[in-house]
Amino acid sequence: MMPTQTPTDEQLKEQAIRQALSGDTIGARETISGVVDRRYLRDAWQMMLFIESERGNVEAVKDTIVSCPDRSLLASHFYLELPQVFVKAGDRSGAIEIAKAMGEAGTLPLIGVAAHLAQDGDVAGVREALSNLDDEDLRTMILRKVSSLQPKAEQFNLREPSAGQASRSGSLAA
């Protein structure tokens, strides 16, 4: 009887990617759990995330982010751009859900989603995106800035403004 050869980390990474490509994300995660080398772990997790994002499945993307045992394995330019990919594809709520799943790393992507929506004139979307920011001062400052950039007739209220709050300057300190 021939001895069984233990697969290398690189072989496990490749197997996990093949599984993810075939739609077996549970199997891919199981396979990758046997990888020790962080380089291969990082490659596999990022590729699994990319595969799910290409499929456009918000739940699968969120699940991949949440199931990753170490979020630093996902950290990349692509990871931070994921919410933008979804908002540009017209999936505002998906973009927001993904940014929320990213935890603290999702703060800048949420602001980016809000900026994209503001550019499109989607005031409700801006409010929805920014409502997920924990920092109320940051949220208010961004809402003020977005409001000041809107044509006068389209400006929106930050809270319940008083009658004396009619004019705003373009300054962030407004």
C-alpha atoms as a PDB file:
ATOM      1  CA  MET A   1       0.000   0.000   0.000  1.00  0.00           C
ATOM      2  CA  MET A   2       1.348   3.411  -0.967  1.00  0.00           C
ATOM      3  CA  PRO A   3       1.655   6.089   1.696  1.00  0.00           C
ATOM      4  CA  THR A   4      -0.750   8.995   1.335  1.00  0.00           C
ATOM      5  CA  GLN A   5       0.934  12.271   0.520  1.00  0.00           C
ATOM      6  CA  THR A   6      -0.295  15.279   2.488  1.00  0.00           C
ATOM      7  CA  PRO A   7      -1.258  18.118   0.121  1.00  0.00           C
ATOM      8  CA  THR A   8       0.863  21.250   0.300  1.00  0.00           C
ATOM      9  CA  ASP A   9      -0.633  24.614   1.232  1.00  0.00           C
ATOM     10  CA  GLU A  10      -0.410  25.639  -2.409  1.00  0.00           C
ATOM     11  CA  GLN A  11      -2.322  22.529  -3.511  1.00  0.00           C
ATOM     12  CA  LEU A  12      -4.976  23.162  -0.858  1.00  0.00           C
ATOM     13  CA  LYS A  13      -5.298  26.769  -2.017  1.00  0.00           C
ATOM     14  CA  GLU A  14      -5.762  25.651  -5.617  1.00  0.00           C
ATOM     15  CA  GLN A  15      -8.312  23.030  -4.567  1.00  0.00           C
ATOM     16  CA  ALA A  16     -10.262  25.596  -2.532  1.00  0.00           C
ATOM     17  CA  ILE A  17     -10.340  27.970  -5.506  1.00  0.00           C
ATOM     18  CA  ARG A  18     -11.591  25.186  -7.799  1.00  0.00           C
ATOM     19  CA  GLN A  19     -14.292  24.370  -5.253  1.00  0.00           C
ATOM     20  CA  ALA A  20     -15.323  28.016  -5.007  1.00  0.00           C
ATOM     21  CA  LEU A  21     -15.467  28.274  -8.796  1.00  0.00           C
ATOM     22  CA  SER A  22     -17.727  25.237  -8.928  1.00  0.00           C
ATOM     23  CA  GLY A  23     -20.028  26.805  -6.321  1.00  0.00           C
ATOM     24  CA  ASP A  24     -18.943  24.645  -3.369  1.00  0.00           C
ATOM     25  CA  THR A  25     -18.153  27.476  -0.973  1.00  0.00           C
ATOM     26  CA  ILE A  26     -18.604  25.304   2.125  1.00  0.00           C
ATOM     27  CA  GLY A  27     -16.118  22.789   0.754  1.00  0.00           C
ATOM     28  CA  ALA A  28     -13.737  25.586  -0.221  1.00  0.00           C
ATOM     29  CA  ARG A  29     -13.799  26.985   3.304  1.00  0.00           C
ATOM     30  CA  GLU A  30     -13.274  23.524   4.741  1.00  0.00           C
ATOM     31  CA  THR A  31     -10.316  22.926   2.416  1.00  0.00           C
ATOM     32  CA  ILE A  32      -8.730  26.272   3.197  1.00  0.00           C
ATOM     33  CA  SER A  33      -8.949  25.611   6.918  1.00  0.00           C
ATOM     34  CA  GLY A  34      -6.048  23.192   6.423  1.00  0.00           C
ATOM     35  CA  VAL A  35      -3.747  25.886   5.017  1.00  0.00           C
ATOM     36  CA  VAL A  36      -1.065  27.231   7.334  1.00  0.00           C
ATOM     37  CA  ASP A  37       0.924  29.659   5.164  1.00  0.00           C
ATOM     38  CA  ARG A  38      -0.695  33.138   5.303  1.00  0.00           C
ATOM     39  CA  ARG A  39       0.265  33.892   1.693  1.00  0.00           C
ATOM     40  CA  TYR A  40      -1.840  30.997   0.453  1.00  0.00           C
ATOM     41  CA  LEU A  41      -4.616  31.749   2.926  1.00  0.00           C
ATOM     42  CA  ARG A  42      -4.744  35.330   1.713  1.00  0.00           C
ATOM     43  CA  ASP A  43      -4.782  34.293  -1.940  1.00  0.00           C
ATOM     44  CA  ALA A  44      -7.562  31.784  -1.394  1.00  0.00           C
ATOM     45  CA  TRP A  45      -9.812  34.041   0.708  1.00  0.00           C
ATOM     46  CA  GLN A  46      -9.406  36.956  -1.681  1.00  0.00           C
ATOM     47  CA  MET A  47     -10.139  34.726  -4.673  1.00  0.00           C
ATOM     48  CA  MET A  48     -13.226  33.284  -2.983  1.00  0.00           C
ATOM     49  CA  LEU A  49     -14.438  36.815  -2.293  1.00  0.00           C
ATOM     50  CA  PHE A  50     -13.758  37.841  -5.887  1.00  0.00           C
ATOM     51  CA  ILE A  51     -15.644  34.817  -7.243  1.00  0.00           C
ATOM     52  CA  GLU A  52     -18.702  35.594  -5.121  1.00  0.00           C
ATOM     53  CA  SER A  53     -18.626  39.266  -6.073  1.00  0.00           C
ATOM     54  CA  GLU A  54     -18.450  38.361  -9.766  1.00  0.00           C
ATOM     55  CA  ARG A  55     -21.587  36.287  -9.279  1.00  0.00           C
ATOM     56  CA  GLY A  56     -23.239  39.397  -7.828  1.00  0.00           C
ATOM     57  CA  ASN A  57     -24.566  37.521  -4.827  1.00  0.00           C
ATOM     58  CA  VAL A  58     -24.658  39.963  -1.903  1.00  0.00           C
ATOM     59  CA  GLU A  59     -25.438  37.267   0.670  1.00  0.00           C
ATOM     60  CA  ALA A  60     -22.519  35.100  -0.483  1.00  0.00           C
ATOM     61  CA  VAL A  61     -20.140  38.083  -0.395  1.00  0.00           C
ATOM     62  CA  LYS A  62     -21.283  39.004   3.128  1.00  0.00           C
ATOM     63  CA  ASP A  63     -21.043  35.358   4.212  1.00  0.00           C
ATOM     64  CA  THR A  64     -17.496  35.103   2.854  1.00  0.00           C
ATOM     65  CA  ILE A  65     -16.467  38.300   4.659  1.00  0.00           C
ATOM     66  CA  VAL A  66     -18.023  37.213   7.938  1.00  0.00           C
ATOM     67  CA  SER A  67     -16.698  33.639   7.766  1.00  0.00           C
ATOM     68  CA  CYS A  68     -13.101  34.704   7.114  1.00  0.00           C
ATOM     69  CA  PRO A  69     -11.223  33.892  10.323  1.00  0.00           C
ATOM     70  CA  ASP A  70      -8.908  36.897   9.975  1.00  0.00           C
ATOM     71  CA  ARG A  71     -10.204  39.993   8.147  1.00  0.00           C
ATOM     72  CA  SER A  72      -6.634  41.088   7.444  1.00  0.00           C
ATOM     73  CA  LEU A  73      -6.530  38.241   4.903  1.00  0.00           C
ATOM     74  CA  LEU A  74      -9.144  40.122   2.877  1.00  0.00           C
ATOM     75  CA  ALA A  75      -7.523  43.547   3.151  1.00  0.00           C
ATOM     76  CA  SER A  76      -6.818  44.839  -0.334  1.00  0.00           C
ATOM     77  CA  HIS A  77      -7.833  47.561  -2.736  1.00  0.00           C
ATOM     78  CA  PHE A  78     -10.414  45.191  -4.218  1.00  0.00           C
ATOM     79  CA  TYR A  79     -11.921  44.499  -0.784  1.00  0.00           C
ATOM     80  CA  LEU A  80     -12.394  48.186  -0.042  1.00  0.00           C
ATOM     81  CA  GLU A  81     -13.931  48.761  -3.490  1.00  0.00           C
ATOM     82  CA  LEU A  82     -16.521  45.955  -3.175  1.00  0.00           C
ATOM     83  CA  PRO A  83     -19.365  48.208  -2.010  1.00  0.00           C
ATOM     84  CA  GLN A  84     -18.657  50.583  -4.923  1.00  0.00           C
ATOM     85  CA  VAL A  85     -18.857  47.677  -7.367  1.00  0.00           C
ATOM     86  CA  PHE A  86     -22.342  46.859  -6.127  1.00  0.00           C
ATOM     87  CA  VAL A  87     -23.610  50.460  -5.989  1.00  0.00           C
ATOM     88  CA  LYS A  88     -22.344  51.099  -9.524  1.00  0.00           C
ATOM     89  CA  ALA A  89     -24.224  47.990 -10.625  1.00  0.00           C
ATOM     90  CA  GLY A  90     -27.374  49.565  -9.173  1.00  0.00           C
ATOM     91  CA  ASP A  91     -27.558  47.544  -5.960  1.00  0.00           C
ATOM     92  CA  ARG A  92     -27.599  50.309  -3.335  1.00  0.00           C
ATOM     93  CA  SER A  93     -28.836  48.133  -0.474  1.00  0.00           C
ATOM     94  CA  GLY A  94     -26.363  45.367  -1.348  1.00  0.00           C
ATOM     95  CA  ALA A  95     -23.500  47.852  -1.305  1.00  0.00           C
ATOM     96  CA  ILE A  96     -24.571  49.094   2.111  1.00  0.00           C
ATOM     97  CA  GLU A  97     -24.984  45.552   3.477  1.00  0.00           C
ATOM     98  CA  ILE A  98     -21.503  44.594   2.292  1.00  0.00           C
ATOM     99  CA  ALA A  99     -19.933  47.718   3.807  1.00  0.00           C
ATOM    100  CA  LYS A 100     -21.686  46.961   7.106  1.00  0.00           C
ATOM    101  CA  ALA A 101     -20.379  43.366   7.034  1.00  0.00           C
ATOM    102  CA  MET A 102     -16.858  44.781   6.697  1.00  0.00           C
ATOM    103  CA  GLY A 103     -17.073  46.237  10.203  1.00  0.00           C
ATOM    104  CA  GLU A 104     -14.743  49.170  10.871  1.00  0.00           C
ATOM    105  CA  ALA A 105     -13.088  48.654   7.483  1.00  0.00           C
ATOM    106  CA  GLY A 106     -16.473  49.502   5.956  1.00  0.00           C
ATOM    107  CA  THR A 107     -16.537  53.115   7.152  1.00  0.00           C
ATOM    108  CA  LEU A 108     -14.701  54.574   4.165  1.00  0.00           C
ATOM    109  CA  PRO A 109     -16.573  52.362   1.682  1.00  0.00           C
ATOM    110  CA  LEU A 110     -19.876  53.571   3.212  1.00  0.00           C
ATOM    111  CA  ILE A 111     -18.782  57.162   2.704  1.00  0.00           C
ATOM    112  CA  GLY A 112     -17.828  56.269  -0.871  1.00  0.00           C
ATOM    113  CA  VAL A 113     -21.265  54.727  -1.459  1.00  0.00           C
ATOM    114  CA  ALA A 114     -22.886  57.878  -0.062  1.00  0.00           C
ATOM    115  CA  ALA A 115     -20.731  60.039  -2.355  1.00  0.00           C
ATOM    116  CA  HIS A 116     -21.702  57.958  -5.385  1.00  0.00           C
ATOM    117  CA  LEU A 117     -25.382  58.193  -4.474  1.00  0.00           C
ATOM    118  CA  ALA A 118     -25.098  61.956  -3.867  1.00  0.00           C
ATOM    119  CA  GLN A 119     -23.583  62.345  -7.300  1.00  0.00           C
ATOM    120  CA  ASP A 120     -26.601  60.495  -8.716  1.00  0.00           C
ATOM    121  CA  GLY A 121     -28.946  62.775  -6.761  1.00  0.00           C
ATOM    122  CA  ASP A 122     -30.189  59.856  -4.625  1.00  0.00           C
ATOM    123  CA  VAL A 123     -30.777  61.728  -1.379  1.00  0.00           C
ATOM    124  CA  ALA A 124     -32.640  58.800   0.223  1.00  0.00           C
ATOM    125  CA  GLY A 125     -29.700  56.552  -0.604  1.00  0.00           C
ATOM    126  CA  VAL A 126     -27.236  59.012   0.911  1.00  0.00           C
ATOM    127  CA  ARG A 127     -29.261  59.066   4.118  1.00  0.00           C
ATOM    128  CA  GLU A 128     -29.529  55.266   4.163  1.00  0.00           C
ATOM    129  CA  ALA A 129     -25.785  54.778   3.646  1.00  0.00           C
ATOM    130  CA  LEU A 130     -24.767  57.370   6.212  1.00  0.00           C
ATOM    131  CA  SER A 131     -27.259  56.108   8.792  1.00  0.00           C
ATOM    132  CA  ASN A 132     -24.913  53.141   9.199  1.00  0.00           C
ATOM    133  CA  LEU A 133     -22.003  55.283  10.358  1.00  0.00           C
ATOM    134  CA  ASP A 134     -21.485  55.116  14.104  1.00  0.00           C
ATOM    135  CA  ASP A 135     -19.886  58.566  14.303  1.00  0.00           C
ATOM    136  CA  GLU A 136     -22.801  61.015  14.426  1.00  0.00           C
ATOM    137  CA  ASP A 137     -20.553  64.059  13.965  1.00  0.00           C
ATOM    138  CA  LEU A 138     -19.044  62.563  10.815  1.00  0.00           C
ATOM    139  CA  ARG A 139     -22.501  61.640   9.507  1.00  0.00           C
ATOM    140  CA  THR A 140     -23.815  65.172  10.138  1.00  0.00           C
ATOM    141  CA  MET A 141     -20.774  66.812   8.557  1.00  0.00           C
ATOM    142  CA  ILE A 142     -21.137  64.716   5.400  1.00  0.00           C
ATOM    143  CA  LEU A 143     -24.876  65.346   5.196  1.00  0.00           C
ATOM    144  CA  ARG A 144     -24.238  69.090   5.498  1.00  0.00           C
ATOM    145  CA  LYS A 145     -21.642  69.010   2.763  1.00  0.00           C
ATOM    146  CA  VAL A 146     -23.832  66.940   0.437  1.00  0.00           C
ATOM    147  CA  SER A 147     -26.771  69.227   1.119  1.00  0.00           C
ATOM    148  CA  SER A 148     -24.706  72.329   0.380  1.00  0.00           C
ATOM    149  CA  LEU A 149     -23.734  70.882  -2.997  1.00  0.00           C
ATOM    150  CA  GLN A 150     -27.345  70.213  -4.009  1.00  0.00           C
ATOM    151  CA  PRO A 151     -29.261  72.855  -5.944  1.00  0.00           C
ATOM    152  CA  LYS A 152     -31.195  75.048  -3.472  1.00  0.00           C
ATOM    153  CA  ALA A 153     -34.536  73.454  -4.367  1.00  0.00           C
ATOM    154  CA  GLU A 154     -33.145  69.943  -3.757  1.00  0.00           C
ATOM    155  CA  GLN A 155     -31.323  70.544  -0.475  1.00  0.00           C
ATOM    156  CA  PHE A 156     -32.474  68.275   2.302  1.00  0.00           C
ATOM    157  CA  ASN A 157     -32.855  68.713   6.017  1.00  0.00           C
ATOM    158  CA  LEU A 158     -30.214  67.237   8.314  1.00  0.00           C
ATOM    159  CA  ARG A 159     -32.612  66.720  11.189  1.00  0.00           C
ATOM    160  CA  GLU A 160     -35.628  68.891  11.801  1.00  0.00           C
ATOM    161  CA  PRO A 161     -34.185  72.308  10.998  1.00  0.00           C
ATOM    162  CA  SER A 162     -35.658  75.416  12.530  1.00  0.00           C
ATOM    163  CA  ALA A 163     -36.970  78.221  10.351  1.00  0.00           C
ATOM    164  CA  GLY A 164     -33.810  80.244  11.048  1.00  0.00           C
ATOM    165  CA  GLN A 165     -31.650  77.608   9.349  1.00  0.00           C
ATOM    166  CA  ALA A 166     -32.573  78.561   5.811  1.00  0.00           C
ATOM    167  CA  SER A 167     -29.155  79.439   4.380  1.00  0.00           C
ATOM    168  CA  ARG A 168     -26.036  77.290   4.345  1.00  0.00           C
ATOM    169  CA  SER A 169     -22.563  78.074   3.129  1.00  0.00           C
ATOM    170  CA  GLY A 170     -20.397  75.654   1.177  1.00  0.00           C
ATOM    171  CA  SER A 171     -18.084  75.350   4.198  1.00  0.00           C
ATOM    172  CA  LEU A 172     -17.759  72.118   6.151  1.00  0.00           C
ATOM    173  CA  ALA A 173     -18.112  74.204   9.303  1.00  0.00           C
ATOM    174  CA  ALA A 174     -21.588  75.384   8.285  1.00  0.00           C
END
